[in-house]
PDB file of N, CA and C in Angstrom:
ATOM      1  N   UNK A   1       9.920  -7.403  10.898  1.00  0.00           N
ATOM      2  CA  UNK A   1       9.877  -8.675  10.224  1.00  0.00           C
ATOM      3  C   UNK A   1       9.676  -9.815  11.201  1.00  0.00           C
ATOM      4  N   UNK A   2      10.135  -9.667  12.416  1.00  0.00           N
ATOM      5  CA  UNK A   2       9.991 -10.734  13.390  1.00  0.00           C
ATOM      6  C   UNK A   2       8.741 -10.566  14.232  1.00  0.00           C
ATOM      7  N   UNK A   3       8.535 -11.488  15.166  1.00  0.00           N
ATOM      8  CA  UNK A   3       7.377 -11.437  16.041  1.00  0.00           C
ATOM      9  C   UNK A   3       7.494 -10.398  17.129  1.00  0.00           C
ATOM     10  N   UNK A   4       8.693  -9.873  17.354  1.00  0.00           N
ATOM     11  CA  UNK A   4       8.917  -8.864  18.378  1.00  0.00           C
ATOM     12  C   UNK A   4       8.942  -7.504  17.702  1.00  0.00           C
ATOM     13  N   UNK A   5       8.181  -6.550  18.239  1.00  0.00           N
ATOM     14  CA  UNK A   5       8.124  -5.223  17.638  1.00  0.00           C
ATOM     15  C   UNK A   5       9.514  -4.600  17.583  1.00  0.00           C
ATOM     16  N   UNK A   6       9.800  -3.938  16.474  1.00  0.00           N
ATOM     17  CA  UNK A   6      11.081  -3.270  16.234  1.00  0.00           C
ATOM     18  C   UNK A   6      12.256  -4.227  16.190  1.00  0.00           C
ATOM     19  N   UNK A   7      12.017  -5.483  15.815  1.00  0.00           N
ATOM     20  CA  UNK A   7      13.092  -6.445  15.800  1.00  0.00           C
ATOM     21  C   UNK A   7      12.827  -7.500  14.737  1.00  0.00           C
ATOM     22  N   UNK A   8      13.868  -7.934  14.064  1.00  0.00           N
ATOM     23  CA  UNK A   8      13.762  -9.051  13.129  1.00  0.00           C
ATOM     24  C   UNK A   8      13.979 -10.347  13.901  1.00  0.00           C
ATOM     25  N   UNK A   9      13.525 -11.447  13.331  1.00  0.00           N
ATOM     26  CA  UNK A   9      13.679 -12.743  13.979  1.00  0.00           C
ATOM     27  C   UNK A   9      15.100 -13.263  13.849  1.00  0.00           C
ATOM     28  N   UNK A  10      15.415 -14.319  14.609  1.00  0.00           N
ATOM     29  CA  UNK A  10      16.736 -14.933  14.539  1.00  0.00           C
ATOM     30  C   UNK A  10      16.917 -15.595  13.187  1.00  0.00           C
ATOM     31  N   UNK A  11      18.149 -15.710  12.749  1.00  0.00           N
ATOM     32  CA  UNK A  11      18.426 -16.345  11.462  1.00  0.00           C
ATOM     33  C   UNK A  11      18.301 -15.362  10.323  1.00  0.00           C
ATOM     34  N   UNK A  12      17.887 -15.867   9.178  1.00  0.00           N
ATOM     35  CA  UNK A  12      17.760 -15.024   7.990  1.00  0.00           C
ATOM     36  C   UNK A  12      16.359 -14.463   7.879  1.00  0.00           C
ATOM     37  N   UNK A  13      16.262 -13.180   7.631  1.00  0.00           N
ATOM     38  CA  UNK A  13      14.990 -12.515   7.378  1.00  0.00           C
ATOM     39  C   UNK A  13      15.059 -11.977   5.964  1.00  0.00           C
ATOM     40  N   UNK A  14      14.173 -12.464   5.104  1.00  0.00           N
ATOM     41  CA  UNK A  14      14.226 -12.098   3.694  1.00  0.00           C
ATOM     42  C   UNK A  14      12.915 -11.442   3.290  1.00  0.00           C
ATOM     43  N   UNK A  15      13.023 -10.312   2.618  1.00  0.00           N
ATOM     44  CA  UNK A  15      11.858  -9.613   2.087  1.00  0.00           C
ATOM     45  C   UNK A  15      12.075  -9.478   0.591  1.00  0.00           C
ATOM     46  N   UNK A  16      11.099  -9.911  -0.191  1.00  0.00           N
ATOM     47  CA  UNK A  16      11.162  -9.768  -1.634  1.00  0.00           C
ATOM     48  C   UNK A  16      10.312  -8.583  -2.052  1.00  0.00           C
ATOM     49  N   UNK A  17      10.866  -7.737  -2.859  1.00  0.00           N
ATOM     50  CA  UNK A  17      10.132  -6.600  -3.417  1.00  0.00           C
ATOM     51  C   UNK A  17      10.176  -6.680  -4.923  1.00  0.00           C
ATOM     52  N   UNK A  18       9.047  -6.485  -5.539  1.00  0.00           N
ATOM     53  CA  UNK A  18       8.973  -6.414  -6.988  1.00  0.00           C
ATOM     54  C   UNK A  18       8.512  -5.008  -7.350  1.00  0.00           C
ATOM     55  N   UNK A  19       9.214  -4.389  -8.257  1.00  0.00           N
ATOM     56  CA  UNK A  19       8.821  -3.062  -8.719  1.00  0.00           C
ATOM     57  C   UNK A  19       7.918  -3.230  -9.927  1.00  0.00           C
ATOM     58  N   UNK A  20       6.701  -2.760  -9.814  1.00  0.00           N
ATOM     59  CA  UNK A  20       5.757  -2.793 -10.908  1.00  0.00           C
ATOM     60  C   UNK A  20       5.406  -1.361 -11.266  1.00  0.00           C
ATOM     61  N   UNK A  21       5.522  -1.031 -12.511  1.00  0.00           N
ATOM     62  CA  UNK A  21       5.012   0.234 -13.003  1.00  0.00           C
ATOM     63  C   UNK A  21       3.845  -0.162 -13.899  1.00  0.00           C
ATOM     64  N   UNK A  22       2.665  -0.065 -13.347  1.00  0.00           N
ATOM     65  CA  UNK A  22       1.476  -0.556 -14.043  1.00  0.00           C
ATOM     66  C   UNK A  22       0.733   0.601 -14.673  1.00  0.00           C
ATOM     67  N   UNK A  23       0.731   0.644 -15.983  1.00  0.00           N
ATOM     68  CA  UNK A  23       0.067   1.715 -16.715  1.00  0.00           C
ATOM     69  C   UNK A  23      -1.416   1.419 -16.937  1.00  0.00           C
ATOM     70  N   UNK A  24      -1.768   0.141 -16.979  1.00  0.00           N
ATOM     71  CA  UNK A  24      -3.122  -0.286 -17.297  1.00  0.00           C
ATOM     72  C   UNK A  24      -3.855  -0.682 -16.010  1.00  0.00           C
ATOM     73  N   UNK A  25      -5.003  -0.067 -15.722  1.00  0.00           N
ATOM     74  CA  UNK A  25      -5.745  -0.432 -14.521  1.00  0.00           C
ATOM     75  C   UNK A  25      -6.102  -1.922 -14.468  1.00  0.00           C
ATOM     76  N   UNK A  26      -6.319  -2.540 -15.620  1.00  0.00           N
ATOM     77  CA  UNK A  26      -6.633  -3.976 -15.638  1.00  0.00           C
ATOM     78  C   UNK A  26      -5.451  -4.805 -15.149  1.00  0.00           C
ATOM     79  N   UNK A  27      -4.219  -4.401 -15.519  1.00  0.00           N
ATOM     80  CA  UNK A  27      -3.022  -5.090 -15.024  1.00  0.00           C
ATOM     81  C   UNK A  27      -2.934  -4.965 -13.502  1.00  0.00           C
ATOM     82  N   UNK A  28      -3.191  -3.770 -13.002  1.00  0.00           N
ATOM     83  CA  UNK A  28      -3.151  -3.537 -11.563  1.00  0.00           C
ATOM     84  C   UNK A  28      -4.190  -4.396 -10.857  1.00  0.00           C
ATOM     85  N   UNK A  29      -5.377  -4.461 -11.388  1.00  0.00           N
ATOM     86  CA  UNK A  29      -6.443  -5.255 -10.797  1.00  0.00           C
ATOM     87  C   UNK A  29      -6.074  -6.737 -10.770  1.00  0.00           C
ATOM     88  N   UNK A  30      -5.535  -7.243 -11.868  1.00  0.00           N
ATOM     89  CA  UNK A  30      -5.108  -8.648 -11.915  1.00  0.00           C
ATOM     90  C   UNK A  30      -4.054  -8.907 -10.842  1.00  0.00           C
ATOM     91  N   UNK A  31      -3.072  -7.999 -10.725  1.00  0.00           N
ATOM     92  CA  UNK A  31      -2.029  -8.160  -9.708  1.00  0.00           C
ATOM     93  C   UNK A  31      -2.623  -8.148  -8.300  1.00  0.00           C
ATOM     94  N   UNK A  32      -3.473  -7.180  -7.998  1.00  0.00           N
ATOM     95  CA  UNK A  32      -4.044  -7.070  -6.657  1.00  0.00           C
ATOM     96  C   UNK A  32      -4.855  -8.307  -6.286  1.00  0.00           C
ATOM     97  N   UNK A  33      -5.475  -8.938  -7.257  1.00  0.00           N
ATOM     98  CA  UNK A  33      -6.271 -10.137  -6.991  1.00  0.00           C
ATOM     99  C   UNK A  33      -5.420 -11.377  -6.726  1.00  0.00           C
ATOM    100  N   UNK A  34      -4.105 -11.287  -6.943  1.00  0.00           N
ATOM    101  CA  UNK A  34      -3.223 -12.420  -6.651  1.00  0.00           C
ATOM    102  C   UNK A  34      -2.686 -12.385  -5.225  1.00  0.00           C
ATOM    103  N   UNK A  35      -2.950 -11.317  -4.491  1.00  0.00           N
ATOM    104  CA  UNK A  35      -2.411 -11.189  -3.134  1.00  0.00           C
ATOM    105  C   UNK A  35      -2.963 -12.276  -2.219  1.00  0.00           C
ATOM    106  N   UNK A  36      -2.093 -12.720  -1.325  1.00  0.00           N
ATOM    107  CA  UNK A  36      -2.451 -13.762  -0.369  1.00  0.00           C
ATOM    108  C   UNK A  36      -2.242 -13.237   1.045  1.00  0.00           C
ATOM    109  N   UNK A  37      -2.849 -13.879   2.051  1.00  0.00           N
ATOM    110  CA  UNK A  37      -2.640 -13.444   3.435  1.00  0.00           C
ATOM    111  C   UNK A  37      -1.152 -13.320   3.755  1.00  0.00           C
ATOM    112  N   UNK A  38      -0.801 -12.209   4.373  1.00  0.00           N
ATOM    113  CA  UNK A  38       0.584 -11.941   4.744  1.00  0.00           C
ATOM    114  C   UNK A  38       1.350 -11.114   3.727  1.00  0.00           C
ATOM    115  N   UNK A  39       0.831 -10.973   2.487  1.00  0.00           N
ATOM    116  CA  UNK A  39       1.507 -10.147   1.487  1.00  0.00           C
ATOM    117  C   UNK A  39       1.395  -8.676   1.859  1.00  0.00           C
ATOM    118  N   UNK A  40       2.510  -7.983   1.789  1.00  0.00           N
ATOM    119  CA  UNK A  40       2.559  -6.549   2.064  1.00  0.00           C
ATOM    120  C   UNK A  40       2.741  -5.822   0.738  1.00  0.00           C
ATOM    121  N   UNK A  41       1.987  -4.753   0.547  1.00  0.00           N
ATOM    122  CA  UNK A  41       2.036  -3.973  -0.685  1.00  0.00           C
ATOM    123  C   UNK A  41       2.475  -2.555  -0.347  1.00  0.00           C
ATOM    124  N   UNK A  42       3.458  -2.056  -1.096  1.00  0.00           N
ATOM    125  CA  UNK A  42       3.899  -0.668  -0.938  1.00  0.00           C
ATOM    126  C   UNK A  42       3.606   0.065  -2.229  1.00  0.00           C
ATOM    127  N   UNK A  43       3.052   1.269  -2.110  1.00  0.00           N
ATOM    128  CA  UNK A  43       2.638   2.038  -3.279  1.00  0.00           C
ATOM    129  C   UNK A  43       3.143   3.467  -3.125  1.00  0.00           C
ATOM    130  N   UNK A  44       3.642   4.011  -4.207  1.00  0.00           N
ATOM    131  CA  UNK A  44       3.983   5.435  -4.261  1.00  0.00           C
ATOM    132  C   UNK A  44       3.484   5.963  -5.594  1.00  0.00           C
ATOM    133  N   UNK A  45       2.731   7.029  -5.544  1.00  0.00           N
ATOM    134  CA  UNK A  45       2.212   7.599  -6.788  1.00  0.00           C
ATOM    135  C   UNK A  45       3.224   8.591  -7.358  1.00  0.00           C
ATOM    136  N   UNK A  46       3.116   8.786  -8.655  1.00  0.00           N
ATOM    137  CA  UNK A  46       3.948   9.777  -9.333  1.00  0.00           C
ATOM    138  C   UNK A  46       3.043  10.578 -10.253  1.00  0.00           C
ATOM    139  N   UNK A  47       2.930  11.834 -10.032  1.00  0.00           N
ATOM    140  CA  UNK A  47       2.125  12.807 -10.766  1.00  0.00           C
ATOM    141  C   UNK A  47       0.635  12.637 -10.474  1.00  0.00           C
ATOM    142  N   UNK A  48      -0.023  11.603 -10.983  1.00  0.00           N
ATOM    143  CA  UNK A  48      -1.472  11.501 -10.802  1.00  0.00           C
ATOM    144  C   UNK A  48      -1.914  10.040 -10.750  1.00  0.00           C
ATOM    145  N   UNK A  49      -2.253   9.547  -9.573  1.00  0.00           N
ATOM    146  CA  UNK A  49      -2.674   8.152  -9.465  1.00  0.00           C
ATOM    147  C   UNK A  49      -4.128   7.901  -9.869  1.00  0.00           C
ATOM    148  N   UNK A  50      -4.952   8.921  -9.938  1.00  0.00           N
ATOM    149  CA  UNK A  50      -6.394   8.708 -10.052  1.00  0.00           C
ATOM    150  C   UNK A  50      -6.872   8.031 -11.334  1.00  0.00           C
ATOM    151  N   UNK A  51      -6.246   8.219 -12.496  1.00  0.00           N
ATOM    152  CA  UNK A  51      -6.762   7.513 -13.674  1.00  0.00           C
ATOM    153  C   UNK A  51      -6.657   5.985 -13.555  1.00  0.00           C
ATOM    154  N   UNK A  52      -5.778   5.501 -12.708  1.00  0.00           N
ATOM    155  CA  UNK A  52      -5.580   4.056 -12.536  1.00  0.00           C
ATOM    156  C   UNK A  52      -6.492   3.469 -11.465  1.00  0.00           C
ATOM    157  N   UNK A  53      -7.156   4.324 -10.694  1.00  0.00           N
ATOM    158  CA  UNK A  53      -7.910   3.859  -9.534  1.00  0.00           C
ATOM    159  C   UNK A  53      -9.400   3.745  -9.834  1.00  0.00           C
ATOM    160  N   UNK A  54      -9.789   2.595 -10.361  1.00  0.00           N
ATOM    161  CA  UNK A  54     -11.212   2.328 -10.567  1.00  0.00           C
ATOM    162  C   UNK A  54     -11.861   2.108  -9.204  1.00  0.00           C
ATOM    163  N   UNK A  55     -13.179   2.082  -9.161  1.00  0.00           N
ATOM    164  CA  UNK A  55     -13.869   1.826  -7.890  1.00  0.00           C
ATOM    165  C   UNK A  55     -13.451   0.484  -7.297  1.00  0.00           C
ATOM    166  N   UNK A  56     -13.306  -0.545  -8.142  1.00  0.00           N
ATOM    167  CA  UNK A  56     -12.916  -1.874  -7.646  1.00  0.00           C
ATOM    168  C   UNK A  56     -11.500  -1.862  -7.069  1.00  0.00           C
ATOM    169  N   UNK A  57     -10.588  -1.160  -7.726  1.00  0.00           N
ATOM    170  CA  UNK A  57      -9.212  -1.060  -7.230  1.00  0.00           C
ATOM    171  C   UNK A  57      -9.182  -0.279  -5.920  1.00  0.00           C
ATOM    172  N   UNK A  58      -9.956   0.789  -5.824  1.00  0.00           N
ATOM    173  CA  UNK A  58     -10.025   1.548  -4.565  1.00  0.00           C
ATOM    174  C   UNK A  58     -10.555   0.665  -3.427  1.00  0.00           C
ATOM    175  N   UNK A  59     -11.538  -0.181  -3.720  1.00  0.00           N
ATOM    176  CA  UNK A  59     -12.074  -1.101  -2.700  1.00  0.00           C
ATOM    177  C   UNK A  59     -11.002  -2.074  -2.220  1.00  0.00           C
ATOM    178  N   UNK A  60     -10.187  -2.578  -3.139  1.00  0.00           N
ATOM    179  CA  UNK A  60      -9.120  -3.503  -2.750  1.00  0.00           C
ATOM    180  C   UNK A  60      -8.100  -2.799  -1.873  1.00  0.00           C
ATOM    181  N   UNK A  61      -7.687  -1.581  -2.256  1.00  0.00           N
ATOM    182  CA  UNK A  61      -6.739  -0.840  -1.413  1.00  0.00           C
ATOM    183  C   UNK A  61      -7.343  -0.537  -0.041  1.00  0.00           C
ATOM    184  N   UNK A  62      -8.639  -0.269   0.013  1.00  0.00           N
ATOM    185  CA  UNK A  62      -9.298  -0.060   1.303  1.00  0.00           C
ATOM    186  C   UNK A  62      -9.209  -1.333   2.143  1.00  0.00           C
ATOM    187  N   UNK A  63      -9.418  -2.490   1.527  1.00  0.00           N
ATOM    188  CA  UNK A  63      -9.309  -3.764   2.238  1.00  0.00           C
ATOM    189  C   UNK A  63      -7.874  -4.030   2.702  1.00  0.00           C
ATOM    190  N   UNK A  64      -6.900  -3.434   2.021  1.00  0.00           N
ATOM    191  CA  UNK A  64      -5.495  -3.568   2.421  1.00  0.00           C
ATOM    192  C   UNK A  64      -5.121  -2.597   3.535  1.00  0.00           C
ATOM    193  N   UNK A  65      -6.076  -1.748   3.945  1.00  0.00           N
ATOM    194  CA  UNK A  65      -5.833  -0.839   5.061  1.00  0.00           C
ATOM    195  C   UNK A  65      -5.820   0.634   4.720  1.00  0.00           C
ATOM    196  N   UNK A  66      -6.053   0.997   3.463  1.00  0.00           N
ATOM    197  CA  UNK A  66      -6.026   2.413   3.094  1.00  0.00           C
ATOM    198  C   UNK A  66      -7.271   3.142   3.602  1.00  0.00           C
ATOM    199  N   UNK A  67      -7.052   4.315   4.148  1.00  0.00           N
ATOM    200  CA  UNK A  67      -8.167   5.181   4.548  1.00  0.00           C
ATOM    201  C   UNK A  67      -8.242   6.414   3.655  1.00  0.00           C
ATOM    202  N   UNK A  68      -7.288   6.544   2.731  1.00  0.00           N
ATOM    203  CA  UNK A  68      -7.174   7.744   1.897  1.00  0.00           C
ATOM    204  C   UNK A  68      -7.555   7.484   0.440  1.00  0.00           C
ATOM    205  N   UNK A  69      -7.398   6.264  -0.039  1.00  0.00           N
ATOM    206  CA  UNK A  69      -7.523   5.982  -1.469  1.00  0.00           C
ATOM    207  C   UNK A  69      -8.861   6.421  -2.065  1.00  0.00           C
ATOM    208  N   UNK A  70      -9.920   6.350  -1.301  1.00  0.00           N
ATOM    209  CA  UNK A  70     -11.230   6.721  -1.843  1.00  0.00           C
ATOM    210  C   UNK A  70     -11.397   8.228  -2.016  1.00  0.00           C
ATOM    211  N   UNK A  71     -10.545   9.020  -1.370  1.00  0.00           N
ATOM    212  CA  UNK A  71     -10.681  10.473  -1.473  1.00  0.00           C
ATOM    213  C   UNK A  71      -9.596  11.124  -2.327  1.00  0.00           C
ATOM    214  N   UNK A  72      -8.715  10.331  -2.946  1.00  0.00           N
ATOM    215  CA  UNK A  72      -7.667  10.915  -3.791  1.00  0.00           C
ATOM    216  C   UNK A  72      -8.269  11.620  -4.997  1.00  0.00           C
ATOM    217  N   UNK A  73      -7.724  12.759  -5.297  1.00  0.00           N
ATOM    218  CA  UNK A  73      -8.169  13.575  -6.424  1.00  0.00           C
ATOM    219  C   UNK A  73      -7.015  13.715  -7.424  1.00  0.00           C
ATOM    220  N   UNK A  74      -7.304  14.187  -8.639  1.00  0.00           N
ATOM    221  CA  UNK A  74      -6.228  14.377  -9.610  1.00  0.00           C
ATOM    222  C   UNK A  74      -5.084  15.220  -9.057  1.00  0.00           C
ATOM    223  N   UNK A  75      -3.875  14.756  -9.316  1.00  0.00           N
ATOM    224  CA  UNK A  75      -2.605  15.394  -8.974  1.00  0.00           C
ATOM    225  C   UNK A  75      -2.241  15.323  -7.501  1.00  0.00           C
ATOM    226  N   UNK A  76      -3.053  14.646  -6.663  1.00  0.00           N
ATOM    227  CA  UNK A  76      -2.632  14.404  -5.282  1.00  0.00           C
ATOM    228  C   UNK A  76      -1.462  13.419  -5.314  1.00  0.00           C
ATOM    229  N   UNK A  77      -0.612  13.485  -4.310  1.00  0.00           N
ATOM    230  CA  UNK A  77       0.430  12.469  -4.174  1.00  0.00           C
ATOM    231  C   UNK A  77       0.005  11.503  -3.068  1.00  0.00           C
ATOM    232  N   UNK A  78       0.514  10.255  -3.132  1.00  0.00           N
ATOM    233  CA  UNK A  78       0.063   9.223  -2.194  1.00  0.00           C
ATOM    234  C   UNK A  78       1.158   8.189  -2.008  1.00  0.00           C
ATOM    235  N   UNK A  79       1.492   7.905  -0.769  1.00  0.00           N
ATOM    236  CA  UNK A  79       2.350   6.773  -0.428  1.00  0.00           C
ATOM    237  C   UNK A  79       1.583   5.918   0.564  1.00  0.00           C
ATOM    238  N   UNK A  80       1.726   4.600   0.416  1.00  0.00           N
ATOM    239  CA  UNK A  80       0.907   3.677   1.209  1.00  0.00           C
ATOM    240  C   UNK A  80       1.602   2.329   1.321  1.00  0.00           C
ATOM    241  N   UNK A  81       1.557   1.777   2.508  1.00  0.00           N
ATOM    242  CA  UNK A  81       1.951   0.393   2.724  1.00  0.00           C
ATOM    243  C   UNK A  81       0.791  -0.273   3.431  1.00  0.00           C
ATOM    244  N   UNK A  82       0.316  -1.342   2.847  1.00  0.00           N
ATOM    245  CA  UNK A  82      -0.809  -2.076   3.416  1.00  0.00           C
ATOM    246  C   UNK A  82      -0.579  -3.563   3.243  1.00  0.00           C
ATOM    247  N   UNK A  83      -1.505  -4.354   3.765  1.00  0.00           N
ATOM    248  CA  UNK A  83      -1.324  -5.798   3.694  1.00  0.00           C
ATOM    249  C   UNK A  83      -2.645  -6.524   3.623  1.00  0.00           C
ATOM    250  N   UNK A  84      -2.624  -7.606   2.908  1.00  0.00           N
ATOM    251  CA  UNK A  84      -3.751  -8.524   2.869  1.00  0.00           C
ATOM    252  C   UNK A  84      -3.839  -9.148   4.255  1.00  0.00           C
ATOM    253  N   UNK A  85      -4.958  -8.996   4.915  1.00  0.00           N
ATOM    254  CA  UNK A  85      -5.149  -9.587   6.235  1.00  0.00           C
ATOM    255  C   UNK A  85      -4.849  -8.664   7.394  1.00  0.00           C
ATOM    256  N   UNK A  86      -4.582  -7.381   7.137  1.00  0.00           N
ATOM    257  CA  UNK A  86      -4.259  -6.468   8.233  1.00  0.00           C
ATOM    258  C   UNK A  86      -5.475  -6.211   9.131  1.00  0.00           C
ATOM    259  N   UNK A  87      -6.671  -6.197   8.556  1.00  0.00           N
ATOM    260  CA  UNK A  87      -7.927  -6.025   9.295  1.00  0.00           C
ATOM    261  C   UNK A  87      -7.992  -4.764  10.144  1.00  0.00           C
ATOM    262  N   UNK A  88      -7.302  -3.741   9.734  1.00  0.00           N
ATOM    263  CA  UNK A  88      -7.349  -2.443  10.420  1.00  0.00           C
ATOM    264  C   UNK A  88      -6.769  -1.392   9.485  1.00  0.00           C
ATOM    265  N   UNK A  89      -6.900  -0.150   9.857  1.00  0.00           N
ATOM    266  CA  UNK A  89      -6.313   0.924   9.047  1.00  0.00           C
ATOM    267  C   UNK A  89      -4.795   0.823   9.108  1.00  0.00           C
ATOM    268  N   UNK A  90      -4.160   0.943   7.969  1.00  0.00           N
ATOM    269  CA  UNK A  90      -2.704   0.900   7.932  1.00  0.00           C
ATOM    270  C   UNK A  90      -2.141   2.152   8.595  1.00  0.00           C
ATOM    271  N   UNK A  91      -1.113   1.992   9.419  1.00  0.00           N
ATOM    272  CA  UNK A  91      -0.474   3.177  10.007  1.00  0.00           C
ATOM    273  C   UNK A  91       0.502   3.848   9.037  1.00  0.00           C
ATOM    274  N   UNK A  92       0.632   3.296   7.831  1.00  0.00           N
ATOM    275  CA  UNK A  92       1.626   3.775   6.873  1.00  0.00           C
ATOM    276  C   UNK A  92       0.963   4.300   5.607  1.00  0.00           C
ATOM    277  N   UNK A  93       0.428   5.503   5.719  1.00  0.00           N
ATOM    278  CA  UNK A  93      -0.215   6.117   4.571  1.00  0.00           C
ATOM    279  C   UNK A  93      -0.122   7.627   4.704  1.00  0.00           C
ATOM    280  N   UNK A  94       0.178   8.264   3.590  1.00  0.00           N
ATOM    281  CA  UNK A  94       0.266   9.714   3.605  1.00  0.00           C
ATOM    282  C   UNK A  94      -0.088  10.227   2.214  1.00  0.00           C
ATOM    283  N   UNK A  95      -0.830  11.294   2.176  1.00  0.00           N
ATOM    284  CA  UNK A  95      -1.111  11.951   0.901  1.00  0.00           C
ATOM    285  C   UNK A  95      -1.085  13.444   1.138  1.00  0.00           C
ATOM    286  N   UNK A  96      -0.925  14.177   0.065  1.00  0.00           N
ATOM    287  CA  UNK A  96      -1.092  15.621   0.187  1.00  0.00           C
ATOM    288  C   UNK A  96      -1.885  16.109  -1.013  1.00  0.00           C
ATOM    289  N   UNK A  97      -2.775  17.002  -0.718  1.00  0.00           N
ATOM    290  CA  UNK A  97      -3.653  17.554  -1.736  1.00  0.00           C
ATOM    291  C   UNK A  97      -2.844  18.497  -2.606  1.00  0.00           C
ATOM    292  N   UNK A  98      -3.028  18.351  -3.895  1.00  0.00           N
ATOM    293  CA  UNK A  98      -2.296  19.187  -4.844  1.00  0.00           C
ATOM    294  C   UNK A  98      -2.736  20.634  -4.703  1.00  0.00           C
ATOM    295  N   UNK A  99      -1.782  21.494  -4.497  1.00  0.00           N
ATOM    296  CA  UNK A  99      -2.029  22.933  -4.520  1.00  0.00           C
ATOM    297  C   UNK A  99      -1.020  23.562  -5.462  1.00  0.00           C
ATOM    298  N   UNK A 100       0.252  23.566  -5.071  1.00  0.00           N
ATOM    299  CA  UNK A 100       1.291  24.090  -5.940  1.00  0.00           C
ATOM    300  C   UNK A 100       2.093  22.909  -6.470  1.00  0.00           C
ATOM    301  N   UNK A 101       3.018  22.405  -5.703  1.00  0.00           N
ATOM    302  CA  UNK A 101       3.759  21.198  -6.050  1.00  0.00           C
ATOM    303  C   UNK A 101       3.607  20.213  -4.906  1.00  0.00           C
ATOM    304  N   UNK A 102       3.377  18.938  -5.208  1.00  0.00           N
ATOM    305  CA  UNK A 102       3.262  17.950  -4.135  1.00  0.00           C
ATOM    306  C   UNK A 102       4.538  17.889  -3.305  1.00  0.00           C
ATOM    307  N   UNK A 103       4.366  17.667  -2.031  1.00  0.00           N
ATOM    308  CA  UNK A 103       5.496  17.504  -1.131  1.00  0.00           C
ATOM    309  C   UNK A 103       5.973  16.060  -1.174  1.00  0.00           C
ATOM    310  N   UNK A 104       7.187  15.850  -0.681  1.00  0.00           N
ATOM    311  CA  UNK A 104       7.701  14.501  -0.575  1.00  0.00           C
ATOM    312  C   UNK A 104       6.887  13.751   0.475  1.00  0.00           C
ATOM    313  N   UNK A 105       6.532  12.518   0.194  1.00  0.00           N
ATOM    314  CA  UNK A 105       5.830  11.692   1.166  1.00  0.00           C
ATOM    315  C   UNK A 105       6.767  10.643   1.728  1.00  0.00           C
ATOM    316  N   UNK A 106       6.778  10.497   3.038  1.00  0.00           N
ATOM    317  CA  UNK A 106       7.656   9.526   3.675  1.00  0.00           C
ATOM    318  C   UNK A 106       6.893   8.836   4.792  1.00  0.00           C
ATOM    319  N   UNK A 107       7.022   7.522   4.858  1.00  0.00           N
ATOM    320  CA  UNK A 107       6.413   6.753   5.938  1.00  0.00           C
ATOM    321  C   UNK A 107       7.456   5.787   6.481  1.00  0.00           C
ATOM    322  N   UNK A 108       7.557   5.703   7.808  1.00  0.00           N
ATOM    323  CA  UNK A 108       8.524   4.806   8.434  1.00  0.00           C
ATOM    324  C   UNK A 108       7.873   4.126   9.628  1.00  0.00           C
ATOM    325  N   UNK A 109       8.417   3.011  10.025  1.00  0.00           N
ATOM    326  CA  UNK A 109       7.940   2.327  11.222  1.00  0.00           C
ATOM    327  C   UNK A 109       7.904   0.828  11.040  1.00  0.00           C
ATOM    328  N   UNK A 110       7.333   0.140  11.993  1.00  0.00           N
ATOM    329  CA  UNK A 110       7.233  -1.312  11.993  1.00  0.00           C
ATOM    330  C   UNK A 110       5.807  -1.725  11.668  1.00  0.00           C
ATOM    331  N   UNK A 111       5.667  -2.638  10.735  1.00  0.00           N
ATOM    332  CA  UNK A 111       4.348  -3.082  10.319  1.00  0.00           C
ATOM    333  C   UNK A 111       3.790  -4.049  11.357  1.00  0.00           C
ATOM    334  N   UNK A 112       2.480  -3.935  11.669  1.00  0.00           N
ATOM    335  CA  UNK A 112       1.899  -4.856  12.654  1.00  0.00           C
ATOM    336  C   UNK A 112       1.903  -6.291  12.148  1.00  0.00           C
ATOM    337  N   UNK A 113       1.897  -7.241  13.077  1.00  0.00           N
ATOM    338  CA  UNK A 113       1.875  -8.654  12.721  1.00  0.00           C
ATOM    339  C   UNK A 113       0.594  -8.955  11.960  1.00  0.00           C
ATOM    340  N   UNK A 114       0.699  -9.758  10.907  1.00  0.00           N
ATOM    341  CA  UNK A 114      -0.419 -10.077  10.041  1.00  0.00           C
ATOM    342  C   UNK A 114      -0.818 -11.522  10.258  1.00  0.00           C
ATOM    343  N   UNK A 115      -2.092 -11.760  10.396  1.00  0.00           N
ATOM    344  CA  UNK A 115      -2.597 -13.123  10.503  1.00  0.00           C
ATOM    345  C   UNK A 115      -2.511 -13.796   9.154  1.00  0.00           C
ATOM    346  N   UNK A 116      -1.889 -14.970   9.095  1.00  0.00           N
ATOM    347  CA  UNK A 116      -1.761 -15.698   7.834  1.00  0.00           C
ATOM    348  C   UNK A 116      -2.788 -16.815   7.726  1.00  0.00           C
ATOM    349  N   UNK A 117      -3.766 -16.809   8.597  1.00  0.00           N
ATOM    350  CA  UNK A 117      -4.760 -17.886   8.600  1.00  0.00           C
ATOM    351  C   UNK A 117      -6.014 -17.544   7.835  1.00  0.00           C
ATOM    352  N   UNK A 118      -6.107 -16.351   7.301  1.00  0.00           N
ATOM    353  CA  UNK A 118      -7.324 -15.944   6.585  1.00  0.00           C
ATOM    354  C   UNK A 118      -7.360 -16.516   5.190  1.00  0.00           C
TER     355      UNK A 118
END
């Protein structure tokens, strides 16, 4: 959260998270279009993310740093943290191809500093 890797800044560090369960791809698209520089998005799929991922939504997730979203297939699992303005591949993404049962996906670490001037 702070300017120093693996460290929060002095004083109060506040992160707001909103849980959205978006069933309609149009709702998801409207939400994604409201993102501003510095906004961080965390995504976890449950059962099958692909019906919600239109080409336009996949392009937005790619712009947020996803390298996997364009290759997701039915019943794959996917966890992802990306950001508006990251300008690089997100280091926080994991998926597994459906074979028997999807495995648990876990991502941990410190998010790179994001430019808020874009």
